[in-house]
Every structure is written in structure tokens, then in C-alpha cells.
Amino acid sequence: MIYSVVTTARNNNLKPYNYLVYILKQMPNTDFINHPELIEKFVPWSKELPADCYKQEKA
């Protein structure tokens, strides 16, 4: 399962380590029971991820 998350993060131009740190710190503090739509904030293709999760564009 972890490999799948890391691969999906890479495929979405994310830094896997930064992405994992973000979701592992933020998800436990999120009320998914009453607000299941909040999961969309954490998927690798979300536009709401912090900037440090993204790889820099190559020039």
C-alpha cells in the first residue's frame, strides 16, 4: 500500500517524502467521520497540497 501511495505521488509530480509527512501529520487531525469530503484535500492530485510537496519544474 505504501509503495502505491509513493508511486502515485511521483506520478503527480510530488516529492513522496514531503507528501507522506504532510498527510501523516494532517490526516489524524481531520474529521472524516462527519466530513468525508475532506479526503479530497489529501489525494495526490489535489490542488490544495502545500507548495513544498511539489517537485520544482525543470527549466
C-alpha atoms as a PDB file:
ATOM      1  CA  MET A   1       0.000   0.000   0.000  1.00  0.00           C
ATOM      2  CA  ILE A   2       2.841   2.419   0.845  1.00  0.00           C
ATOM      3  CA  TYR A   3       4.505   1.687  -2.493  1.00  0.00           C
ATOM      4  CA  SER A   4       1.244   2.548  -4.244  1.00  0.00           C
ATOM      5  CA  VAL A   5       0.990   5.884  -2.400  1.00  0.00           C
ATOM      6  CA  VAL A   6       4.625   6.741  -3.207  1.00  0.00           C
ATOM      7  CA  THR A   7       4.234   5.802  -6.878  1.00  0.00           C
ATOM      8  CA  THR A   8       1.030   7.804  -7.212  1.00  0.00           C
ATOM      9  CA  ALA A   9       2.736  10.787  -5.574  1.00  0.00           C
ATOM     10  CA  ARG A  10       5.616  10.557  -8.065  1.00  0.00           C
ATOM     11  CA  ASN A  11       3.176  10.293 -10.973  1.00  0.00           C
ATOM     12  CA  ASN A  12       1.536  13.521  -9.777  1.00  0.00           C
ATOM     13  CA  ASN A  13       4.834  15.443  -9.649  1.00  0.00           C
ATOM     14  CA  LEU A  14       5.074  15.340  -5.855  1.00  0.00           C
ATOM     15  CA  LYS A  15       8.032  14.798  -3.564  1.00  0.00           C
ATOM     16  CA  PRO A  16       6.992  11.495  -1.938  1.00  0.00           C
ATOM     17  CA  TYR A  17       8.710  12.160   1.396  1.00  0.00           C
ATOM     18  CA  ASN A  18       7.200  15.641   1.805  1.00  0.00           C
ATOM     19  CA  TYR A  19       3.788  14.353   0.735  1.00  0.00           C
ATOM     20  CA  LEU A  20       3.875  11.476   3.224  1.00  0.00           C
ATOM     21  CA  VAL A  21       4.973  13.767   6.053  1.00  0.00           C
ATOM     22  CA  TYR A  22       2.130  16.152   5.224  1.00  0.00           C
ATOM     23  CA  ILE A  23      -0.615  13.531   5.103  1.00  0.00           C
ATOM     24  CA  LEU A  24       0.640  11.670   8.170  1.00  0.00           C
ATOM     25  CA  LYS A  25       0.657  14.894  10.200  1.00  0.00           C
ATOM     26  CA  GLN A  26      -2.594  16.394   8.908  1.00  0.00           C
ATOM     27  CA  MET A  27      -4.932  13.453   8.365  1.00  0.00           C
ATOM     28  CA  PRO A  28      -5.190  12.367  12.024  1.00  0.00           C
ATOM     29  CA  ASN A  29      -6.498  15.850  12.865  1.00  0.00           C
ATOM     30  CA  THR A  30      -9.234  15.738  10.226  1.00  0.00           C
ATOM     31  CA  ASP A  31     -12.842  14.815  10.984  1.00  0.00           C
ATOM     32  CA  PHE A  32     -13.570  12.333   8.180  1.00  0.00           C
ATOM     33  CA  ILE A  33     -16.483  10.807  10.089  1.00  0.00           C
ATOM     34  CA  ASN A  34     -18.603  13.944   9.849  1.00  0.00           C
ATOM     35  CA  HIS A  35     -16.974  15.385   6.715  1.00  0.00           C
ATOM     36  CA  PRO A  36     -15.891  12.577   4.336  1.00  0.00           C
ATOM     37  CA  GLU A  37     -15.461  15.100   1.516  1.00  0.00           C
ATOM     38  CA  LEU A  38     -12.293  16.347   3.256  1.00  0.00           C
ATOM     39  CA  ILE A  39     -10.374  13.339   1.930  1.00  0.00           C
ATOM     40  CA  GLU A  40     -10.125  15.247  -1.364  1.00  0.00           C
ATOM     41  CA  LYS A  41      -7.645  17.624   0.312  1.00  0.00           C
ATOM     42  CA  PHE A  42      -5.141  14.788   0.732  1.00  0.00           C
ATOM     43  CA  VAL A  43      -5.213  12.889  -2.551  1.00  0.00           C
ATOM     44  CA  PRO A  44      -2.039  13.291  -4.669  1.00  0.00           C
ATOM     45  CA  TRP A  45      -3.869  15.169  -7.428  1.00  0.00           C
ATOM     46  CA  SER A  46      -5.385  17.711  -5.034  1.00  0.00           C
ATOM     47  CA  LYS A  47      -4.750  21.380  -5.778  1.00  0.00           C
ATOM     48  CA  GLU A  48      -4.805  22.113  -2.011  1.00  0.00           C
ATOM     49  CA  LEU A  49      -1.492  20.464  -1.117  1.00  0.00           C
ATOM     50  CA  PRO A  50       1.272  22.696   0.279  1.00  0.00           C
ATOM     51  CA  ALA A  51       3.842  24.021  -2.201  1.00  0.00           C
ATOM     52  CA  ASP A  52       6.711  22.098  -0.591  1.00  0.00           C
ATOM     53  CA  CYS A  53       5.053  18.823  -1.621  1.00  0.00           C
ATOM     54  CA  TYR A  54       5.598  19.587  -5.301  1.00  0.00           C
ATOM     55  CA  LYS A  55       8.748  18.941  -7.301  1.00  0.00           C
ATOM     56  CA  GLN A  56      10.241  22.001  -8.938  1.00  0.00           C
ATOM     57  CA  GLU A  57       9.597  22.376 -12.636  1.00  0.00           C
ATOM     58  CA  LYS A  58      12.667  21.758 -14.748  1.00  0.00           C
ATOM     59  CA  ALA A  59      13.697  24.757 -16.820  1.00  0.00           C
END
